[in-house]
């Protein structure tokens, strides 16, 4: 399935790319979106299969890889479409779903333990929470392959100084 918007925070595919990048390996996470309609295609991975290697080669040959403390890696998502229906490639930022677009369901495992399953609410699955149409959610919905440059640095730098001042005399 896709790794769009906040999905990237808990995606195993993106997690592997993060680890690769942290180890100095040029890393690309590739994911295939699907819908009920595209899942029934003979080859639901047609666009990824026919275009994935070309995209990887272009990214690998690009002069954008760095050895910073948090090197760049890439998140590539293929739309739920045949290759002939792909609208193009969009370099874009990570999107964000609206609050309340997830649900939790309790499931009973075969050994009798309860687990919570996190699910997207289907009616809001690819709806973007802001008015910016230049993000992975909106672009994939319109039939584009999305490429988002990422890095593992998640620090909210805008709040560092405020928090330092807030806690400077606490201990």
N, C-alpha and C. Protein backbone atom coordinates (compact mmCIF):
# COMPACT_ATOMS: atom_id res chain seq x y z
N UNK A 1 0.81 -1.19 0.00
CA UNK A 1 0.00 0.00 0.00
C UNK A 1 0.85 1.26 0.00
N UNK A 2 0.18 2.37 -0.05
CA UNK A 2 0.87 3.66 -0.15
C UNK A 2 1.55 4.04 1.17
N UNK A 3 2.50 4.94 1.04
CA UNK A 3 3.17 5.56 2.19
C UNK A 3 3.16 7.06 1.94
N UNK A 4 2.03 7.66 2.23
CA UNK A 4 1.78 9.07 1.99
C UNK A 4 1.50 9.78 3.31
N UNK A 5 1.70 11.08 3.30
CA UNK A 5 1.36 11.92 4.46
C UNK A 5 1.99 11.35 5.72
N UNK A 6 1.23 11.27 6.80
CA UNK A 6 1.78 10.80 8.07
C UNK A 6 2.05 9.30 8.09
N UNK A 7 1.62 8.57 7.06
CA UNK A 7 1.96 7.15 6.96
C UNK A 7 3.47 6.94 7.03
N UNK A 8 4.23 7.90 6.53
CA UNK A 8 5.68 7.71 6.50
C UNK A 8 6.28 7.56 7.89
N UNK A 9 5.58 8.04 8.92
CA UNK A 9 6.10 7.96 10.27
C UNK A 9 6.08 6.55 10.84
N UNK A 10 5.23 5.69 10.32
CA UNK A 10 5.15 4.33 10.84
C UNK A 10 5.24 3.27 9.75
N UNK A 11 5.75 3.65 8.61
CA UNK A 11 5.92 2.73 7.49
C UNK A 11 7.21 1.92 7.65
N UNK A 12 7.10 0.62 7.52
CA UNK A 12 8.30 -0.22 7.52
C UNK A 12 9.16 0.04 6.30
N UNK A 13 8.53 0.31 5.17
CA UNK A 13 9.26 0.60 3.94
C UNK A 13 10.10 1.86 4.09
N UNK A 14 9.48 2.92 4.60
CA UNK A 14 10.21 4.17 4.82
C UNK A 14 11.23 3.99 5.94
N UNK A 15 10.89 3.22 6.96
CA UNK A 15 11.83 2.94 8.04
C UNK A 15 13.10 2.29 7.53
N UNK A 16 12.97 1.35 6.59
CA UNK A 16 14.15 0.71 6.01
C UNK A 16 14.99 1.72 5.24
N UNK A 17 14.34 2.63 4.52
CA UNK A 17 15.07 3.67 3.78
C UNK A 17 15.77 4.63 4.75
N UNK A 18 15.12 4.96 5.86
CA UNK A 18 15.77 5.82 6.87
C UNK A 18 17.04 5.14 7.37
N UNK A 19 16.92 3.87 7.74
CA UNK A 19 18.08 3.16 8.27
C UNK A 19 19.20 3.09 7.24
N UNK A 20 18.84 2.81 6.00
CA UNK A 20 19.85 2.79 4.94
C UNK A 20 20.56 4.12 4.82
N UNK A 21 19.78 5.20 4.81
CA UNK A 21 20.37 6.54 4.71
C UNK A 21 21.29 6.82 5.89
N UNK A 22 20.87 6.45 7.09
CA UNK A 22 21.70 6.67 8.27
C UNK A 22 23.00 5.87 8.21
N UNK A 23 22.99 4.77 7.48
CA UNK A 23 24.19 3.94 7.30
C UNK A 23 25.01 4.36 6.10
N UNK A 24 24.62 5.47 5.44
CA UNK A 24 25.37 5.97 4.30
C UNK A 24 25.02 5.31 2.98
N UNK A 25 23.91 4.61 2.92
CA UNK A 25 23.47 3.94 1.70
C UNK A 25 22.42 4.81 1.01
N UNK A 26 22.59 5.03 -0.28
CA UNK A 26 21.57 5.75 -1.04
C UNK A 26 20.29 4.94 -0.97
N UNK A 27 19.22 5.54 -0.44
CA UNK A 27 18.01 4.78 -0.14
C UNK A 27 16.76 5.40 -0.74
N UNK A 28 15.91 4.52 -1.27
CA UNK A 28 14.66 4.93 -1.90
C UNK A 28 13.56 3.99 -1.43
N UNK A 29 12.52 4.53 -0.80
CA UNK A 29 11.34 3.75 -0.43
C UNK A 29 10.35 3.83 -1.59
N UNK A 30 9.88 2.69 -2.05
CA UNK A 30 8.93 2.68 -3.16
C UNK A 30 7.66 1.96 -2.74
N UNK A 31 6.51 2.58 -3.00
CA UNK A 31 5.23 2.02 -2.59
C UNK A 31 4.19 2.17 -3.69
N UNK A 32 3.24 1.24 -3.71
CA UNK A 32 2.19 1.22 -4.72
C UNK A 32 0.84 1.49 -4.06
N UNK A 33 0.17 2.54 -4.49
CA UNK A 33 -1.19 2.80 -4.03
C UNK A 33 -2.13 1.84 -4.74
N UNK A 34 -3.26 1.57 -4.13
CA UNK A 34 -4.26 0.77 -4.81
C UNK A 34 -5.65 1.15 -4.33
N UNK A 35 -6.60 0.85 -5.16
CA UNK A 35 -8.01 1.04 -4.85
C UNK A 35 -8.70 -0.29 -5.07
N UNK A 36 -9.98 -0.38 -4.74
CA UNK A 36 -10.72 -1.61 -5.01
C UNK A 36 -10.67 -1.93 -6.51
N UNK A 37 -10.75 -0.89 -7.34
CA UNK A 37 -10.73 -1.10 -8.79
C UNK A 37 -9.36 -1.56 -9.28
N UNK A 38 -8.31 -0.88 -8.84
CA UNK A 38 -6.97 -1.23 -9.32
C UNK A 38 -6.49 -2.56 -8.75
N UNK A 39 -7.00 -2.94 -7.59
CA UNK A 39 -6.58 -4.20 -6.98
C UNK A 39 -7.03 -5.40 -7.80
N UNK A 40 -8.06 -5.20 -8.60
CA UNK A 40 -8.56 -6.30 -9.43
C UNK A 40 -7.87 -6.37 -10.80
N UNK A 41 -6.95 -5.45 -11.09
CA UNK A 41 -6.22 -5.50 -12.36
C UNK A 41 -5.34 -6.76 -12.42
N UNK A 42 -5.07 -7.21 -13.63
CA UNK A 42 -4.18 -8.36 -13.78
C UNK A 42 -2.82 -8.09 -13.14
N UNK A 43 -2.31 -6.88 -13.32
CA UNK A 43 -1.03 -6.49 -12.73
C UNK A 43 -1.22 -5.16 -12.03
N UNK A 44 -1.52 -5.18 -10.75
CA UNK A 44 -1.76 -3.95 -9.98
C UNK A 44 -0.49 -3.14 -9.76
N UNK A 45 0.67 -3.74 -10.07
CA UNK A 45 1.96 -3.05 -9.92
C UNK A 45 2.52 -2.60 -11.28
N UNK A 46 1.68 -2.51 -12.30
CA UNK A 46 2.15 -2.21 -13.65
C UNK A 46 2.96 -0.92 -13.73
N UNK A 47 2.46 0.16 -13.15
CA UNK A 47 3.18 1.44 -13.26
C UNK A 47 4.50 1.38 -12.49
N UNK A 48 4.50 0.78 -11.32
CA UNK A 48 5.75 0.65 -10.54
C UNK A 48 6.74 -0.25 -11.28
N UNK A 49 6.23 -1.31 -11.84
CA UNK A 49 7.09 -2.26 -12.56
C UNK A 49 7.72 -1.63 -13.79
N UNK A 50 6.96 -0.84 -14.54
CA UNK A 50 7.49 -0.29 -15.78
C UNK A 50 8.26 1.02 -15.58
N UNK A 51 7.99 1.75 -14.52
CA UNK A 51 8.64 3.06 -14.33
C UNK A 51 9.58 3.13 -13.13
N UNK A 52 9.50 2.17 -12.23
CA UNK A 52 10.29 2.21 -11.00
C UNK A 52 11.78 2.23 -11.22
N UNK A 53 12.28 1.38 -12.10
CA UNK A 53 13.73 1.32 -12.34
C UNK A 53 14.25 2.62 -12.94
N UNK A 54 13.48 3.22 -13.84
CA UNK A 54 13.89 4.50 -14.45
C UNK A 54 13.99 5.58 -13.38
N UNK A 55 12.99 5.64 -12.51
CA UNK A 55 12.99 6.63 -11.42
C UNK A 55 14.17 6.39 -10.49
N UNK A 56 14.40 5.15 -10.10
CA UNK A 56 15.52 4.83 -9.20
C UNK A 56 16.86 5.24 -9.83
N UNK A 57 17.05 4.92 -11.10
CA UNK A 57 18.32 5.28 -11.77
C UNK A 57 18.52 6.79 -11.80
N UNK A 58 17.46 7.54 -12.10
CA UNK A 58 17.57 9.00 -12.11
C UNK A 58 17.93 9.53 -10.72
N UNK A 59 17.28 8.99 -9.69
CA UNK A 59 17.58 9.43 -8.33
C UNK A 59 18.99 9.03 -7.93
N UNK A 60 19.38 7.81 -8.22
CA UNK A 60 20.73 7.35 -7.85
C UNK A 60 21.82 8.15 -8.55
N UNK A 61 21.56 8.59 -9.77
CA UNK A 61 22.55 9.35 -10.54
C UNK A 61 22.48 10.85 -10.26
N UNK A 62 21.47 11.30 -9.54
CA UNK A 62 21.33 12.73 -9.24
C UNK A 62 22.43 13.15 -8.27
N UNK A 63 22.84 14.38 -8.37
CA UNK A 63 23.90 14.92 -7.51
C UNK A 63 23.29 15.58 -6.27
N UNK A 64 22.46 14.83 -5.57
CA UNK A 64 21.78 15.40 -4.39
C UNK A 64 21.99 14.57 -3.14
N UNK A 65 22.75 13.52 -3.23
CA UNK A 65 23.01 12.68 -2.06
C UNK A 65 24.06 13.38 -1.21
N UNK A 66 23.89 13.36 0.07
CA UNK A 66 24.85 14.04 0.93
C UNK A 66 25.21 13.16 2.11
N UNK A 67 26.22 13.57 2.81
CA UNK A 67 26.66 12.82 3.98
C UNK A 67 26.46 13.63 5.26
N UNK A 68 25.44 14.45 5.25
CA UNK A 68 25.12 15.24 6.44
C UNK A 68 24.73 14.29 7.58
N UNK A 69 24.64 14.81 8.79
CA UNK A 69 24.24 13.92 9.89
C UNK A 69 22.94 13.16 9.59
N UNK A 70 22.04 13.77 8.85
CA UNK A 70 20.80 13.12 8.44
C UNK A 70 20.68 13.22 6.92
N UNK A 71 21.29 12.27 6.21
CA UNK A 71 21.29 12.36 4.76
C UNK A 71 19.90 12.17 4.15
N UNK A 72 19.75 12.69 2.96
CA UNK A 72 18.49 12.59 2.23
C UNK A 72 18.22 11.15 1.81
N UNK A 73 16.94 10.80 1.78
CA UNK A 73 16.46 9.58 1.14
C UNK A 73 15.13 9.94 0.49
N UNK A 74 14.58 9.05 -0.30
CA UNK A 74 13.41 9.41 -1.10
C UNK A 74 12.25 8.46 -0.87
N UNK A 75 11.07 9.04 -0.86
CA UNK A 75 9.82 8.29 -0.75
C UNK A 75 9.10 8.42 -2.09
N UNK A 76 8.92 7.30 -2.79
CA UNK A 76 8.28 7.27 -4.10
C UNK A 76 6.98 6.48 -3.97
N UNK A 77 5.89 7.06 -4.45
CA UNK A 77 4.60 6.38 -4.46
C UNK A 77 4.04 6.36 -5.87
N UNK A 78 3.52 5.20 -6.26
CA UNK A 78 2.92 5.03 -7.58
C UNK A 78 1.41 5.04 -7.42
N UNK A 79 0.71 5.76 -8.32
CA UNK A 79 -0.75 5.85 -8.19
C UNK A 79 -1.43 4.52 -8.53
N UNK A 80 -2.66 4.40 -8.12
CA UNK A 80 -3.47 3.22 -8.43
C UNK A 80 -3.96 3.36 -9.87
N UNK A 81 -3.06 3.12 -10.80
CA UNK A 81 -3.38 3.32 -12.22
C UNK A 81 -2.47 2.48 -13.10
N UNK A 82 -2.95 2.19 -14.29
CA UNK A 82 -2.10 1.55 -15.29
C UNK A 82 -1.02 2.55 -15.72
N UNK A 83 0.05 2.06 -16.28
CA UNK A 83 1.14 2.94 -16.74
C UNK A 83 0.61 4.00 -17.70
N UNK A 84 -0.27 3.62 -18.60
CA UNK A 84 -0.81 4.56 -19.59
C UNK A 84 -1.66 5.66 -18.97
N UNK A 85 -2.12 5.46 -17.73
CA UNK A 85 -2.96 6.45 -17.04
C UNK A 85 -2.17 7.37 -16.12
N UNK A 86 -0.89 7.10 -15.91
CA UNK A 86 -0.07 7.94 -15.04
C UNK A 86 0.09 9.31 -15.68
N UNK A 87 -0.16 10.36 -14.90
CA UNK A 87 -0.14 11.74 -15.42
C UNK A 87 1.26 12.34 -15.49
N UNK A 88 2.21 11.75 -14.79
CA UNK A 88 3.57 12.28 -14.76
C UNK A 88 4.19 12.03 -13.41
N UNK A 89 5.30 12.71 -13.18
CA UNK A 89 6.02 12.61 -11.91
C UNK A 89 5.95 13.95 -11.22
N UNK A 90 5.60 13.95 -9.95
CA UNK A 90 5.51 15.18 -9.18
C UNK A 90 6.49 15.12 -8.01
N UNK A 91 7.37 16.09 -7.95
CA UNK A 91 8.26 16.25 -6.79
C UNK A 91 7.48 17.11 -5.81
N UNK A 92 7.20 16.57 -4.65
CA UNK A 92 6.30 17.28 -3.75
C UNK A 92 6.63 17.00 -2.29
N UNK A 93 5.98 17.77 -1.44
CA UNK A 93 6.18 17.61 0.00
C UNK A 93 5.19 16.59 0.56
N UNK A 94 5.42 16.22 1.78
CA UNK A 94 4.55 15.31 2.52
C UNK A 94 3.23 16.03 2.81
N UNK A 95 2.12 15.33 2.62
CA UNK A 95 0.80 15.88 2.95
C UNK A 95 0.43 15.59 4.38
N UNK A 96 -0.80 15.95 4.75
CA UNK A 96 -1.31 15.71 6.11
C UNK A 96 -2.81 15.49 6.02
N UNK A 97 -3.29 14.41 6.58
CA UNK A 97 -4.71 14.12 6.61
C UNK A 97 -5.39 14.92 7.70
N UNK A 98 -6.70 15.12 7.58
CA UNK A 98 -7.41 15.85 8.64
C UNK A 98 -7.47 15.05 9.93
N UNK A 99 -7.60 15.75 11.04
CA UNK A 99 -7.75 15.09 12.33
C UNK A 99 -9.03 14.26 12.28
N UNK A 100 -8.96 13.07 12.83
CA UNK A 100 -10.12 12.20 12.84
C UNK A 100 -10.21 11.27 11.64
N UNK A 101 -9.18 11.19 10.83
CA UNK A 101 -9.25 10.32 9.66
C UNK A 101 -8.78 8.91 9.96
N UNK A 102 -8.45 8.63 11.21
CA UNK A 102 -8.03 7.29 11.63
C UNK A 102 -9.04 6.73 12.62
N UNK A 103 -9.12 5.43 12.67
CA UNK A 103 -9.95 4.76 13.67
C UNK A 103 -9.16 3.63 14.29
N UNK A 104 -9.60 3.18 15.43
CA UNK A 104 -8.96 2.07 16.13
C UNK A 104 -10.00 0.97 16.32
N UNK A 105 -9.62 -0.24 15.95
CA UNK A 105 -10.49 -1.39 16.14
C UNK A 105 -9.78 -2.41 17.00
N UNK A 106 -10.49 -2.95 17.96
CA UNK A 106 -9.94 -4.00 18.80
C UNK A 106 -10.13 -5.33 18.09
N UNK A 107 -9.05 -6.11 17.99
CA UNK A 107 -9.15 -7.43 17.37
C UNK A 107 -8.59 -8.47 18.34
N UNK A 108 -9.13 -9.67 18.27
CA UNK A 108 -8.70 -10.76 19.11
C UNK A 108 -7.78 -11.66 18.30
N UNK A 109 -6.58 -11.87 18.79
CA UNK A 109 -5.62 -12.73 18.09
C UNK A 109 -5.93 -14.20 18.36
N UNK A 110 -5.38 -15.10 17.58
CA UNK A 110 -5.62 -16.54 17.80
C UNK A 110 -5.22 -17.01 19.20
N UNK A 111 -4.26 -16.34 19.83
CA UNK A 111 -3.86 -16.76 21.18
C UNK A 111 -4.69 -16.09 22.29
N UNK A 112 -5.74 -15.36 21.89
CA UNK A 112 -6.65 -14.77 22.85
C UNK A 112 -6.29 -13.39 23.35
N UNK A 113 -5.23 -12.79 22.82
CA UNK A 113 -4.83 -11.44 23.25
C UNK A 113 -5.54 -10.39 22.40
N UNK A 114 -5.91 -9.29 23.02
CA UNK A 114 -6.52 -8.18 22.30
C UNK A 114 -5.44 -7.25 21.76
N UNK A 115 -5.63 -6.79 20.54
CA UNK A 115 -4.74 -5.82 19.91
C UNK A 115 -5.59 -4.71 19.33
N UNK A 116 -5.00 -3.53 19.22
CA UNK A 116 -5.68 -2.42 18.54
C UNK A 116 -5.11 -2.30 17.14
N UNK A 117 -5.98 -2.25 16.17
CA UNK A 117 -5.60 -2.09 14.76
C UNK A 117 -5.91 -0.64 14.37
N UNK A 118 -4.93 0.08 13.87
CA UNK A 118 -5.12 1.45 13.42
C UNK A 118 -5.53 1.39 11.95
N UNK A 119 -6.64 2.03 11.62
CA UNK A 119 -7.16 2.04 10.24
C UNK A 119 -7.44 3.46 9.79
N UNK A 120 -7.32 3.66 8.49
CA UNK A 120 -7.77 4.92 7.88
C UNK A 120 -9.28 4.81 7.70
N UNK A 121 -9.99 5.90 7.95
CA UNK A 121 -11.41 5.91 7.61
C UNK A 121 -11.48 6.03 6.10
N UNK A 122 -12.19 5.14 5.46
CA UNK A 122 -12.18 5.08 4.00
C UNK A 122 -12.72 6.33 3.34
N UNK A 123 -13.66 7.02 3.95
CA UNK A 123 -14.23 8.20 3.30
C UNK A 123 -13.27 9.39 3.30
N UNK A 124 -12.19 9.34 4.06
CA UNK A 124 -11.25 10.45 4.11
C UNK A 124 -9.83 10.00 3.76
N UNK A 125 -9.68 8.83 3.22
CA UNK A 125 -8.36 8.21 3.08
C UNK A 125 -7.33 9.12 2.43
N UNK A 126 -7.68 9.78 1.34
CA UNK A 126 -6.70 10.61 0.66
C UNK A 126 -7.11 12.07 0.63
N UNK A 127 -7.84 12.51 1.62
CA UNK A 127 -8.22 13.91 1.70
C UNK A 127 -7.14 14.67 2.44
N UNK A 128 -6.78 15.80 1.92
CA UNK A 128 -5.72 16.60 2.53
C UNK A 128 -6.30 17.57 3.55
N UNK A 129 -5.56 17.82 4.62
CA UNK A 129 -6.08 18.66 5.70
C UNK A 129 -5.89 20.15 5.46
N UNK A 130 -5.10 20.53 4.50
CA UNK A 130 -4.92 21.96 4.26
C UNK A 130 -5.29 22.28 2.82
N UNK A 131 -5.09 23.51 2.42
CA UNK A 131 -5.51 23.94 1.09
C UNK A 131 -4.38 23.87 0.07
N UNK A 132 -3.26 23.30 0.45
CA UNK A 132 -2.12 23.16 -0.43
C UNK A 132 -2.30 21.92 -1.30
N UNK A 133 -2.37 22.12 -2.59
CA UNK A 133 -2.57 21.00 -3.52
C UNK A 133 -1.27 20.46 -4.06
N UNK A 134 -0.15 20.87 -3.51
CA UNK A 134 1.16 20.45 -4.01
C UNK A 134 1.83 19.46 -3.06
N UNK A 135 1.08 18.51 -2.57
CA UNK A 135 1.63 17.50 -1.66
C UNK A 135 1.33 16.11 -2.17
N UNK A 136 1.92 15.11 -1.52
CA UNK A 136 1.81 13.73 -2.00
C UNK A 136 0.37 13.22 -2.05
N UNK A 137 -0.45 13.58 -1.08
CA UNK A 137 -1.85 13.12 -1.08
C UNK A 137 -2.61 13.61 -2.29
N UNK A 138 -2.51 14.90 -2.56
CA UNK A 138 -3.25 15.49 -3.67
C UNK A 138 -2.71 15.03 -5.02
N UNK A 139 -1.40 14.94 -5.13
CA UNK A 139 -0.80 14.54 -6.41
C UNK A 139 -1.10 13.09 -6.76
N UNK A 140 -1.03 12.20 -5.78
CA UNK A 140 -1.29 10.78 -6.06
C UNK A 140 -2.76 10.60 -6.43
N UNK A 141 -3.63 11.36 -5.79
CA UNK A 141 -5.07 11.30 -6.08
C UNK A 141 -5.35 11.71 -7.53
N UNK A 142 -4.52 12.61 -8.06
CA UNK A 142 -4.70 13.08 -9.44
C UNK A 142 -3.93 12.24 -10.45
N UNK A 143 -3.31 11.13 -10.01
CA UNK A 143 -2.69 10.20 -10.95
C UNK A 143 -1.21 10.39 -11.19
N UNK A 144 -0.54 11.17 -10.34
CA UNK A 144 0.90 11.38 -10.50
C UNK A 144 1.69 10.40 -9.64
N UNK A 145 2.88 10.04 -10.10
CA UNK A 145 3.86 9.39 -9.25
C UNK A 145 4.43 10.49 -8.38
N UNK A 146 4.55 10.25 -7.08
CA UNK A 146 5.09 11.28 -6.20
C UNK A 146 6.49 10.89 -5.72
N UNK A 147 7.35 11.88 -5.67
CA UNK A 147 8.69 11.71 -5.10
C UNK A 147 8.87 12.80 -4.05
N UNK A 148 9.13 12.37 -2.82
CA UNK A 148 9.31 13.31 -1.72
C UNK A 148 10.69 13.09 -1.10
N UNK A 149 11.55 14.12 -1.12
CA UNK A 149 12.84 14.00 -0.44
C UNK A 149 12.62 14.12 1.07
N UNK A 150 13.22 13.21 1.82
CA UNK A 150 13.05 13.18 3.27
C UNK A 150 14.40 13.06 3.96
N UNK A 151 14.41 13.30 5.26
CA UNK A 151 15.55 12.96 6.11
C UNK A 151 15.03 12.64 7.49
N UNK A 152 15.85 12.01 8.29
CA UNK A 152 15.41 11.50 9.59
C UNK A 152 15.35 12.57 10.68
N UNK A 153 15.81 13.75 10.43
CA UNK A 153 15.79 14.83 11.42
C UNK A 153 14.35 15.27 11.65
N UNK A 154 13.82 15.03 12.84
CA UNK A 154 12.44 15.38 13.16
C UNK A 154 12.33 16.48 14.21
N UNK A 155 13.44 17.05 14.62
CA UNK A 155 13.43 18.08 15.64
C UNK A 155 12.62 19.28 15.19
N UNK A 156 11.76 19.78 16.05
CA UNK A 156 11.02 21.00 15.77
C UNK A 156 11.91 22.17 16.21
N UNK A 157 12.78 22.58 15.32
CA UNK A 157 13.77 23.62 15.63
C UNK A 157 13.13 24.95 16.03
N UNK A 158 11.93 25.22 15.55
CA UNK A 158 11.29 26.49 15.87
C UNK A 158 10.95 26.61 17.36
N UNK A 159 10.90 25.51 18.08
CA UNK A 159 10.57 25.57 19.51
C UNK A 159 11.74 25.30 20.44
N UNK A 160 12.91 25.05 19.91
CA UNK A 160 14.06 24.75 20.77
C UNK A 160 14.38 25.89 21.74
N UNK A 161 14.51 27.10 21.25
CA UNK A 161 14.88 28.23 22.12
C UNK A 161 13.80 28.51 23.16
N UNK A 162 12.55 28.45 22.75
CA UNK A 162 11.45 28.67 23.69
C UNK A 162 11.51 27.65 24.83
N UNK A 163 11.69 26.38 24.49
CA UNK A 163 11.75 25.34 25.52
C UNK A 163 12.98 25.49 26.41
N UNK A 164 14.10 25.89 25.84
CA UNK A 164 15.31 26.11 26.64
C UNK A 164 15.05 27.20 27.68
N UNK A 165 14.41 28.29 27.26
CA UNK A 165 14.10 29.38 28.19
C UNK A 165 13.06 28.94 29.23
N UNK A 166 12.10 28.15 28.80
CA UNK A 166 11.05 27.69 29.71
C UNK A 166 11.60 26.81 30.82
N UNK A 167 12.58 25.98 30.49
CA UNK A 167 13.08 25.01 31.45
C UNK A 167 14.47 25.33 32.01
N UNK A 168 15.03 26.49 31.69
CA UNK A 168 16.41 26.76 32.08
C UNK A 168 16.64 26.80 33.58
N UNK A 169 15.69 27.16 34.39
CA UNK A 169 15.86 27.24 35.85
C UNK A 169 15.09 26.16 36.61
N UNK A 170 14.68 25.13 35.95
CA UNK A 170 13.85 24.11 36.58
C UNK A 170 14.63 23.10 37.41
N UNK A 171 15.86 22.85 37.11
CA UNK A 171 16.60 21.84 37.87
C UNK A 171 17.77 22.44 38.62
